Protein backbone atom coordinates (compact mmCIF):
# COMPACT_ATOMS: atom_id res chain seq x y z
CA MET A 1 26.87 67.57 10.74
CA SER A 2 27.56 65.86 7.54
CA ALA A 3 30.44 64.13 8.58
CA ARG A 4 29.20 63.13 12.04
CA ARG A 5 27.60 59.77 12.37
CA ILE A 6 23.92 59.51 13.11
CA GLY A 7 22.72 57.67 16.00
CA PRO A 8 22.41 55.22 17.85
CA PRO A 9 19.64 56.05 19.76
CA PRO A 10 19.92 56.27 23.64
CA GLU A 11 19.22 52.99 25.42
CA SER A 12 15.94 54.48 26.82
CA VAL A 13 14.39 54.65 23.49
CA ARG A 14 12.35 51.87 21.89
CA ALA A 15 10.91 51.63 18.66
CA LEU A 16 7.90 49.73 17.65
CA GLU A 17 7.15 49.11 13.90
CA VAL A 18 3.52 48.97 12.49
CA ASP A 19 2.70 48.57 9.14
CA GLY A 20 6.05 50.30 7.89
CA ASP A 21 5.79 53.38 10.16
CA ILE A 22 7.64 53.44 13.36
CA SER A 23 6.38 54.95 16.64
CA LEU A 24 9.22 55.82 19.21
CA TYR A 25 8.94 55.84 23.16
CA ASP A 26 11.72 57.39 25.42
CA ARG A 27 11.22 55.90 28.83
CA SER A 28 13.71 58.44 30.73
CA SER A 29 11.26 61.40 29.29
CA GLN A 30 8.15 59.45 28.91
CA ARG A 31 7.75 61.07 25.40
CA ALA A 32 6.42 59.42 22.29
CA LEU A 33 6.66 60.23 18.76
CA MET A 34 5.10 58.41 15.72
CA LEU A 35 7.39 58.70 12.40
CA ASN A 36 5.71 58.93 8.64
CA GLY A 37 7.45 56.44 6.38
CA THR A 38 10.05 58.91 5.39
CA ALA A 39 11.10 59.52 8.76
CA SER A 40 10.88 55.96 9.83
CA ALA A 41 13.34 55.21 6.68
CA ILE A 42 15.55 57.72 8.11
CA TRP A 43 15.56 56.30 11.68
CA ARG A 44 16.38 52.80 10.46
CA LEU A 45 19.39 54.29 9.11
CA ALA A 46 20.25 56.21 12.13
CA ASP A 47 22.58 53.39 13.60
CA GLY A 48 25.46 54.91 14.69
CA GLU A 49 27.48 53.48 11.80
CA ARG A 50 26.75 55.98 8.92
CA THR A 51 27.26 59.79 8.70
CA LEU A 52 24.60 62.07 7.11
CA ASP A 53 25.91 61.97 4.08
CA GLU A 54 25.96 58.29 3.60
CA VAL A 55 22.08 57.91 5.10
CA ILE A 56 21.10 60.98 2.21
CA ALA A 57 23.01 58.78 0.07
CA GLU A 58 21.09 55.62 0.90
CA LEU A 59 17.73 57.25 0.75
CA ALA A 60 18.54 59.08 -2.48
CA SER A 61 18.94 55.46 -4.04
CA SER A 62 16.32 54.04 -2.54
CA TYR A 63 13.83 56.70 -3.61
CA HIS A 64 15.44 57.47 -6.83
CA ALA A 65 15.76 60.97 -5.53
CA ASP A 66 18.66 63.47 -6.04
CA ALA A 67 20.53 63.70 -3.08
CA GLY A 68 20.77 67.59 -3.11
CA ALA A 69 16.80 67.74 -3.41
CA ILE A 70 16.22 65.58 -0.22
CA ARG A 71 19.23 67.02 2.00
CA THR A 72 17.21 69.66 3.55
CA ASP A 73 14.37 67.37 4.61
CA VAL A 74 16.78 64.71 5.83
CA GLU A 75 18.87 67.23 7.78
CA ARG A 76 15.50 68.75 9.28
CA THR A 77 14.23 65.16 10.24
CA VAL A 78 17.43 64.35 12.30
CA ARG A 79 17.70 67.83 13.64
CA ASP A 80 14.12 67.03 14.95
CA LEU A 81 14.63 63.79 16.33
CA VAL A 82 18.05 64.99 18.23
CA ASP A 83 15.85 68.30 19.55
CA ALA A 84 13.22 65.95 20.54
CA GLY A 85 15.95 63.37 22.45
CA PHE A 86 15.45 60.41 20.38
CA LEU A 87 18.97 60.57 18.87
CA PRO A 88 22.19 61.98 20.30
CA ALA A 89 23.45 65.32 19.63
């Protein structure tokens, strides 16, 4: 998974940002999802240009965290977004 690019979201997915948090809505499945601040940061980086490793590195730098310490949480969030249909597999 680490070498695969993350995103971009399907065209049916719309994102609305309110106070730094992002709400997602998929018109095709009529599903909605509210992301917390950390998941919102991951979503912003899931543009199809970055790999999972690059997303983790950018987040680690932004949050002054060890990349190894946040890897599992980032992987889980990306997997959850894929499983929910908000990011492509």
